[in-house]
Structures are given as C-alpha cells and as structure tokens.
Amino acid sequence: MAREPDRNFTRERIAHLAARLMAVDGIEDHALAKRKAARQAGVPDTRQLPNNDEIDAALRLYRELYQREHPAQLRELRQLALEVMNELARFNPYLTGSVLNGNAGKYADINLLLFTDNGKSVEHYLLDRNIDYRSGGARLYTGDTLLAAPVLSFTRNGIEIHLTLLEPRELRCQLKASMEGKPIERARREAVEALLTAD
C-alpha cells in the first residue's frame, strides 16, 4: 500500500498534468483530463485521482504562471456569451460551463441553457436571421431521472455556441451532467453582466 505522502504527491502530480491538458489542449471535461493525466503519469490506481476542485486550483495556478492572456480571453468569451444571451432574451437564457466558472481555455465553447415552452420558436428565430445551426442532443439528469434535451449549435466569431433547450418547469430543477455529479452552475444575464463589471 502506498504511503500517504506518496499518494498525496501522486494526486498533486495528476492534478497538475490534468490542469495542463485543460489549459493547453482545451479539454473541458475533468474526468477525461484526469484519465489522460493518470495515463501520462503511469498511475493505474483510480483511488489516487484528484477531485475536480484540486484540478481547478492547479488550473488557476497554471494560468497565473503560463497564460497571462487568459483573463482577456475569458472576458471576450463572456462578452460574446452576453451578446448572444441578449439576442435570445425571450427564451430565458442562462450561461453555464467553463465560460461561467472561469476555466474556459483557448478553444472553449459557450454553453447556454434556454428555458422555453416552444423549442421550435428558437429554431425559427435562428432561421429568420440566417444563422446556420446544427441539431444534436444532450443527456442531463434531474435527480436520478434522465433528461434528453435537444441542442442547437452554431459558430460565431470562430466560437462554438451550444443552446440546450429545456422546458420552463425544468428551471426549478437541479440539473446535473451525470447522476453522481454536482448540480450544474448557471447564471442569468444580470449575473454575467456583473462578472464583466467585476473584471
């Protein structure tokens, strides 16, 4: 059995490797970054993997040391997110993901949740403005219940924007990306404006 100092060192090493993968390669999924980092470190024991908070702390440190341009990039992404949210205001948009939590890397996407009782009206809105979009889907959870949600995606200024369409009643639910995961953090337009003002 590994001694505790060895285990802590291994966790810290994997956290820093995962943070580098997220910062440099644009990986946004903590679990994927952990698995890749563990392979790079030659660590098969999944009990030694760091948690997401440890990776986020390592990511902040990496950016402070090596990516001084990150605050400006994040501000641009948040500004674009707010612009799109203002355009889609009638569909009750919320920002989520790495652009909201500040972990967005160079290749980050903007993820919005739209709470609307008519998903087709979002498609009509995009079509009326000649916005070329693609259709897809997302799997979310409310408690233990799987929720399949349509996703409309388009590109603006070279940035991928994903609109996940949900019903207004789902606004009261704690949405999660997996059954075991934490509730997805989300923010209204006013909160995004406040983040930009604080920057």
C-alpha atoms as a PDB file:
ATOM      1  CA  MET A   1       0.000   0.000   0.000  1.00  0.00           C
ATOM      2  CA  ALA A   2       1.330   3.468  -0.919  1.00  0.00           C
ATOM      3  CA  ARG A   3       2.375   5.687   1.953  1.00  0.00           C
ATOM      4  CA  GLU A   4       0.228   8.805   2.440  1.00  0.00           C
ATOM      5  CA  PRO A   5       2.937  11.308   1.319  1.00  0.00           C
ATOM      6  CA  ASP A   6       3.424   9.272  -1.902  1.00  0.00           C
ATOM      7  CA  ARG A   7      -0.309   9.212  -2.505  1.00  0.00           C
ATOM      8  CA  ASN A   8      -0.621  12.976  -1.939  1.00  0.00           C
ATOM      9  CA  PHE A   9       2.310  13.636  -4.295  1.00  0.00           C
ATOM     10  CA  THR A  10       0.718  11.425  -6.952  1.00  0.00           C
ATOM     11  CA  ARG A  11      -2.660  13.184  -6.616  1.00  0.00           C
ATOM     12  CA  GLU A  12      -0.968  16.573  -6.896  1.00  0.00           C
ATOM     13  CA  ARG A  13       1.076  15.485  -9.915  1.00  0.00           C
ATOM     14  CA  ILE A  14      -2.022  14.187 -11.714  1.00  0.00           C
ATOM     15  CA  ALA A  15      -3.919  17.392 -10.849  1.00  0.00           C
ATOM     16  CA  HIS A  16      -1.162  19.498 -12.439  1.00  0.00           C
ATOM     17  CA  LEU A  17      -0.941  17.258 -15.521  1.00  0.00           C
ATOM     18  CA  ALA A  18      -4.743  17.401 -15.923  1.00  0.00           C
ATOM     19  CA  ALA A  19      -4.688  21.189 -15.488  1.00  0.00           C
ATOM     20  CA  ARG A  20      -2.066  21.499 -18.227  1.00  0.00           C
ATOM     21  CA  LEU A  21      -4.168  19.331 -20.563  1.00  0.00           C
ATOM     22  CA  MET A  22      -7.183  21.531 -19.906  1.00  0.00           C
ATOM     23  CA  ALA A  23      -5.241  24.773 -20.360  1.00  0.00           C
ATOM     24  CA  VAL A  24      -3.209  23.798 -23.429  1.00  0.00           C
ATOM     25  CA  ASP A  25      -5.344  21.227 -25.262  1.00  0.00           C
ATOM     26  CA  GLY A  26      -8.692  22.825 -24.443  1.00  0.00           C
ATOM     27  CA  ILE A  27     -10.124  19.760 -22.678  1.00  0.00           C
ATOM     28  CA  GLU A  28     -13.143  20.874 -20.657  1.00  0.00           C
ATOM     29  CA  ASP A  29     -14.168  17.516 -19.176  1.00  0.00           C
ATOM     30  CA  HIS A  30     -12.455  16.994 -15.805  1.00  0.00           C
ATOM     31  CA  ALA A  31     -12.915  13.200 -15.949  1.00  0.00           C
ATOM     32  CA  LEU A  32     -11.269  12.955 -19.382  1.00  0.00           C
ATOM     33  CA  ALA A  33      -8.391  15.202 -18.281  1.00  0.00           C
ATOM     34  CA  LYS A  34      -7.882  13.050 -15.153  1.00  0.00           C
ATOM     35  CA  ARG A  35      -7.788   9.808 -17.142  1.00  0.00           C
ATOM     36  CA  LYS A  36      -5.303  11.206 -19.674  1.00  0.00           C
ATOM     37  CA  ALA A  37      -3.144  12.674 -16.899  1.00  0.00           C
ATOM     38  CA  ALA A  38      -3.163   9.378 -14.980  1.00  0.00           C
ATOM     39  CA  ARG A  39      -2.030   7.547 -18.133  1.00  0.00           C
ATOM     40  CA  GLN A  40       0.758  10.093 -18.660  1.00  0.00           C
ATOM     41  CA  ALA A  41       1.855   9.627 -15.050  1.00  0.00           C
ATOM     42  CA  GLY A  42       1.627   5.825 -15.320  1.00  0.00           C
ATOM     43  CA  VAL A  43      -0.872   5.597 -12.465  1.00  0.00           C
ATOM     44  CA  PRO A  44      -3.434   2.776 -12.843  1.00  0.00           C
ATOM     45  CA  ASP A  45      -4.904   3.216  -9.339  1.00  0.00           C
ATOM     46  CA  THR A  46      -8.039   5.361  -9.703  1.00  0.00           C
ATOM     47  CA  ARG A  47      -8.147   5.908  -5.930  1.00  0.00           C
ATOM     48  CA  GLN A  48      -5.220   8.309  -6.347  1.00  0.00           C
ATOM     49  CA  LEU A  49      -7.035  10.607  -8.770  1.00  0.00           C
ATOM     50  CA  PRO A  50      -7.582  14.203  -7.613  1.00  0.00           C
ATOM     51  CA  ASN A  51     -11.055  15.692  -7.347  1.00  0.00           C
ATOM     52  CA  ASN A  52     -12.305  18.492  -9.611  1.00  0.00           C
ATOM     53  CA  ASP A  53     -11.586  21.188  -7.026  1.00  0.00           C
ATOM     54  CA  GLU A  54      -7.921  20.118  -6.857  1.00  0.00           C
ATOM     55  CA  ILE A  55      -7.689  20.267 -10.651  1.00  0.00           C
ATOM     56  CA  ASP A  56      -9.357  23.695 -10.735  1.00  0.00           C
ATOM     57  CA  ALA A  57      -6.820  25.002  -8.190  1.00  0.00           C
ATOM     58  CA  ALA A  58      -3.956  23.606 -10.296  1.00  0.00           C
ATOM     59  CA  LEU A  59      -5.519  25.124 -13.409  1.00  0.00           C
ATOM     60  CA  ARG A  60      -5.692  28.586 -11.801  1.00  0.00           C
ATOM     61  CA  LEU A  61      -2.026  28.290 -10.800  1.00  0.00           C
ATOM     62  CA  TYR A  62      -1.002  27.130 -14.296  1.00  0.00           C
ATOM     63  CA  ARG A  63      -2.765  30.084 -15.893  1.00  0.00           C
ATOM     64  CA  GLU A  64      -1.226  32.564 -13.454  1.00  0.00           C
ATOM     65  CA  LEU A  65       2.235  31.237 -14.317  1.00  0.00           C
ATOM     66  CA  TYR A  66       1.985  30.467 -18.044  1.00  0.00           C
ATOM     67  CA  GLN A  67      -1.134  32.023 -19.549  1.00  0.00           C
ATOM     68  CA  ARG A  68      -1.197  35.695 -18.652  1.00  0.00           C
ATOM     69  CA  GLU A  69      -3.557  36.289 -21.600  1.00  0.00           C
ATOM     70  CA  HIS A  70      -6.258  34.076 -20.039  1.00  0.00           C
ATOM     71  CA  PRO A  71      -8.234  36.879 -18.289  1.00  0.00           C
ATOM     72  CA  ALA A  72      -8.562  38.777 -21.588  1.00  0.00           C
ATOM     73  CA  GLN A  73      -9.638  35.617 -23.448  1.00  0.00           C
ATOM     74  CA  LEU A  74     -12.186  34.792 -20.747  1.00  0.00           C
ATOM     75  CA  ARG A  75     -13.567  38.335 -20.870  1.00  0.00           C
ATOM     76  CA  GLU A  76     -14.024  38.092 -24.662  1.00  0.00           C
ATOM     77  CA  LEU A  77     -15.870  34.781 -24.287  1.00  0.00           C
ATOM     78  CA  ARG A  78     -18.135  36.200 -21.577  1.00  0.00           C
ATOM     79  CA  GLN A  79     -18.784  39.318 -23.657  1.00  0.00           C
ATOM     80  CA  LEU A  80     -19.813  37.168 -26.629  1.00  0.00           C
ATOM     81  CA  ALA A  81     -21.959  34.981 -24.369  1.00  0.00           C
ATOM     82  CA  LEU A  82     -23.758  38.066 -23.045  1.00  0.00           C
ATOM     83  CA  GLU A  83     -24.286  39.369 -26.574  1.00  0.00           C
ATOM     84  CA  VAL A  84     -25.944  36.080 -27.605  1.00  0.00           C
ATOM     85  CA  MET A  85     -27.946  35.952 -24.356  1.00  0.00           C
ATOM     86  CA  ASN A  86     -29.282  39.462 -25.036  1.00  0.00           C
ATOM     87  CA  GLU A  87     -30.319  38.397 -28.539  1.00  0.00           C
ATOM     88  CA  LEU A  88     -32.059  35.311 -27.144  1.00  0.00           C
ATOM     89  CA  ALA A  89     -33.562  37.087 -24.113  1.00  0.00           C
ATOM     90  CA  ARG A  90     -37.121  35.978 -24.942  1.00  0.00           C
ATOM     91  CA  PHE A  91     -36.040  32.333 -24.461  1.00  0.00           C
ATOM     92  CA  ASN A  92     -34.797  32.841 -20.885  1.00  0.00           C
ATOM     93  CA  PRO A  93     -31.081  32.046 -21.403  1.00  0.00           C
ATOM     94  CA  TYR A  94     -28.625  31.000 -18.691  1.00  0.00           C
ATOM     95  CA  LEU A  95     -24.861  30.719 -19.120  1.00  0.00           C
ATOM     96  CA  THR A  96     -23.220  27.539 -17.897  1.00  0.00           C
ATOM     97  CA  GLY A  97     -19.956  25.640 -18.244  1.00  0.00           C
ATOM     98  CA  SER A  98     -16.364  26.794 -18.338  1.00  0.00           C
ATOM     99  CA  VAL A  99     -17.103  30.327 -19.583  1.00  0.00           C
ATOM    100  CA  LEU A 100     -19.179  30.885 -16.459  1.00  0.00           C
ATOM    101  CA  ASN A 101     -16.874  29.212 -13.931  1.00  0.00           C
ATOM    102  CA  GLY A 102     -13.737  30.841 -15.359  1.00  0.00           C
ATOM    103  CA  ASN A 103     -11.991  27.652 -16.513  1.00  0.00           C
ATOM    104  CA  ALA A 104     -12.560  28.342 -20.221  1.00  0.00           C
ATOM    105  CA  GLY A 105      -9.488  27.711 -22.301  1.00  0.00           C
ATOM    106  CA  LYS A 106      -8.401  28.976 -25.675  1.00  0.00           C
ATOM    107  CA  TYR A 107     -10.723  26.585 -27.553  1.00  0.00           C
ATOM    108  CA  ALA A 108     -13.721  26.794 -25.199  1.00  0.00           C
ATOM    109  CA  ASP A 109     -17.320  26.634 -26.331  1.00  0.00           C
ATOM    110  CA  ILE A 110     -20.114  28.825 -24.980  1.00  0.00           C
ATOM    111  CA  ASN A 111     -22.928  26.795 -23.426  1.00  0.00           C
ATOM    112  CA  LEU A 112     -26.358  28.295 -22.840  1.00  0.00           C
ATOM    113  CA  LEU A 113     -29.452  26.718 -21.325  1.00  0.00           C
ATOM    114  CA  LEU A 114     -32.694  28.096 -22.793  1.00  0.00           C
ATOM    115  CA  PHE A 115     -35.860  27.573 -20.765  1.00  0.00           C
ATOM    116  CA  THR A 116     -38.685  27.904 -23.293  1.00  0.00           C
ATOM    117  CA  ASP A 117     -42.053  26.238 -23.809  1.00  0.00           C
ATOM    118  CA  ASN A 118     -41.525  26.216 -27.586  1.00  0.00           C
ATOM    119  CA  GLY A 119     -38.226  24.852 -28.831  1.00  0.00           C
ATOM    120  CA  LYS A 120     -39.331  25.257 -32.440  1.00  0.00           C
ATOM    121  CA  SER A 121     -39.522  29.012 -31.936  1.00  0.00           C
ATOM    122  CA  VAL A 122     -35.769  29.014 -31.197  1.00  0.00           C
ATOM    123  CA  GLU A 123     -35.139  27.227 -34.498  1.00  0.00           C
ATOM    124  CA  HIS A 124     -37.387  29.720 -36.316  1.00  0.00           C
ATOM    125  CA  TYR A 125     -35.519  32.589 -34.657  1.00  0.00           C
ATOM    126  CA  LEU A 126     -32.184  31.255 -35.928  1.00  0.00           C
ATOM    127  CA  LEU A 127     -33.548  30.555 -39.411  1.00  0.00           C
ATOM    128  CA  ASP A 128     -35.070  34.048 -39.680  1.00  0.00           C
ATOM    129  CA  ARG A 129     -31.617  35.503 -39.017  1.00  0.00           C
ATOM    130  CA  ASN A 130     -29.849  33.164 -41.476  1.00  0.00           C
ATOM    131  CA  ILE A 131     -27.899  31.532 -38.655  1.00  0.00           C
ATOM    132  CA  ASP A 132     -26.690  28.167 -39.915  1.00  0.00           C
ATOM    133  CA  TYR A 133     -27.168  25.770 -36.992  1.00  0.00           C
ATOM    134  CA  ARG A 134     -26.721  22.056 -36.355  1.00  0.00           C
ATOM    135  CA  SER A 135     -29.007  19.864 -34.260  1.00  0.00           C
ATOM    136  CA  GLY A 136     -27.849  17.480 -31.577  1.00  0.00           C
ATOM    137  CA  GLY A 137     -28.744  16.331 -28.115  1.00  0.00           C
ATOM    138  CA  ALA A 138     -27.587  16.354 -24.509  1.00  0.00           C
ATOM    139  CA  ARG A 139     -28.145  13.955 -21.630  1.00  0.00           C
ATOM    140  CA  LEU A 140     -28.823  15.699 -18.334  1.00  0.00           C
ATOM    141  CA  TYR A 141     -30.149  14.422 -15.039  1.00  0.00           C
ATOM    142  CA  THR A 142     -32.675  15.769 -12.569  1.00  0.00           C
ATOM    143  CA  GLY A 143     -32.053  13.633  -9.510  1.00  0.00           C
ATOM    144  CA  ASP A 144     -31.921  10.072 -10.872  1.00  0.00           C
ATOM    145  CA  THR A 145     -34.100  10.883 -13.878  1.00  0.00           C
ATOM    146  CA  LEU A 146     -32.502  11.070 -17.319  1.00  0.00           C
ATOM    147  CA  LEU A 147     -33.486  14.130 -19.315  1.00  0.00           C
ATOM    148  CA  ALA A 148     -32.829  14.089 -23.072  1.00  0.00           C
ATOM    149  CA  ALA A 149     -32.651  17.675 -24.326  1.00  0.00           C
ATOM    150  CA  PRO A 150     -32.266  18.969 -27.884  1.00  0.00           C
ATOM    151  CA  VAL A 151     -29.191  21.122 -28.579  1.00  0.00           C
ATOM    152  CA  LEU A 152     -28.809  23.678 -31.375  1.00  0.00           C
ATOM    153  CA  SER A 153     -25.225  24.683 -32.203  1.00  0.00           C
ATOM    154  CA  PHE A 154     -23.757  27.408 -34.372  1.00  0.00           C
ATOM    155  CA  THR A 155     -20.485  29.279 -34.764  1.00  0.00           C
ATOM    156  CA  ARG A 156     -19.928  32.979 -34.197  1.00  0.00           C
ATOM    157  CA  ASN A 157     -16.550  34.730 -34.385  1.00  0.00           C
ATOM    158  CA  GLY A 158     -14.944  31.288 -34.579  1.00  0.00           C
ATOM    159  CA  ILE A 159     -16.516  30.204 -31.263  1.00  0.00           C
ATOM    160  CA  GLU A 160     -18.938  27.272 -30.991  1.00  0.00           C
ATOM    161  CA  ILE A 161     -22.182  28.198 -29.220  1.00  0.00           C
ATOM    162  CA  HIS A 162     -24.465  25.444 -27.926  1.00  0.00           C
ATOM    163  CA  LEU A 163     -28.084  26.099 -26.981  1.00  0.00           C
ATOM    164  CA  THR A 164     -29.624  23.369 -24.825  1.00  0.00           C
ATOM    165  CA  LEU A 165     -33.421  23.608 -24.998  1.00  0.00           C
ATOM    166  CA  LEU A 166     -35.310  22.919 -21.772  1.00  0.00           C
ATOM    167  CA  GLU A 167     -38.844  23.479 -20.571  1.00  0.00           C
ATOM    168  CA  PRO A 168     -39.649  26.314 -18.135  1.00  0.00           C
ATOM    169  CA  ARG A 169     -40.587  23.850 -15.354  1.00  0.00           C
ATOM    170  CA  GLU A 170     -37.036  22.442 -15.513  1.00  0.00           C
ATOM    171  CA  LEU A 171     -35.723  25.802 -14.332  1.00  0.00           C
ATOM    172  CA  ARG A 172     -36.753  24.768 -10.800  1.00  0.00           C
ATOM    173  CA  CYS A 173     -34.759  21.504 -11.050  1.00  0.00           C
ATOM    174  CA  GLN A 174     -31.144  20.945 -10.129  1.00  0.00           C
ATOM    175  CA  LEU A 175     -29.668  19.761 -13.407  1.00  0.00           C
ATOM    176  CA  LYS A 176     -26.582  17.541 -13.438  1.00  0.00           C
ATOM    177  CA  ALA A 177     -24.340  16.263 -16.233  1.00  0.00           C
ATOM    178  CA  SER A 178     -24.276  12.817 -14.585  1.00  0.00           C
ATOM    179  CA  MET A 179     -26.267  11.071 -11.863  1.00  0.00           C
ATOM    180  CA  GLU A 180     -23.362  11.327  -9.422  1.00  0.00           C
ATOM    181  CA  GLY A 181     -22.267  14.823 -10.468  1.00  0.00           C
ATOM    182  CA  LYS A 182     -22.727  18.172  -8.807  1.00  0.00           C
ATOM    183  CA  PRO A 183     -25.600  20.442  -9.899  1.00  0.00           C
ATOM    184  CA  ILE A 184     -24.733  22.457 -12.986  1.00  0.00           C
ATOM    185  CA  GLU A 185     -23.916  26.048 -12.130  1.00  0.00           C
ATOM    186  CA  ARG A 186     -25.880  28.563 -14.236  1.00  0.00           C
ATOM    187  CA  ALA A 187     -26.230  32.331 -14.414  1.00  0.00           C
ATOM    188  CA  ARG A 188     -28.769  34.790 -15.825  1.00  0.00           C
ATOM    189  CA  ARG A 189     -27.774  37.754 -17.982  1.00  0.00           C
ATOM    190  CA  GLU A 190     -27.562  40.087 -14.982  1.00  0.00           C
ATOM    191  CA  ALA A 191     -25.039  37.790 -13.291  1.00  0.00           C
ATOM    192  CA  VAL A 192     -22.908  37.637 -16.451  1.00  0.00           C
ATOM    193  CA  GLU A 193     -23.013  41.442 -16.665  1.00  0.00           C
ATOM    194  CA  ALA A 194     -21.854  41.570 -13.043  1.00  0.00           C
ATOM    195  CA  LEU A 195     -18.933  39.238 -13.842  1.00  0.00           C
ATOM    196  CA  LEU A 196     -17.886  41.505 -16.693  1.00  0.00           C
ATOM    197  CA  THR A 197     -18.154  44.591 -14.488  1.00  0.00           C
ATOM    198  CA  ALA A 198     -16.074  42.889 -11.798  1.00  0.00           C
ATOM    199  CA  ASP A 199     -13.385  42.063 -14.397  1.00  0.00           C
END
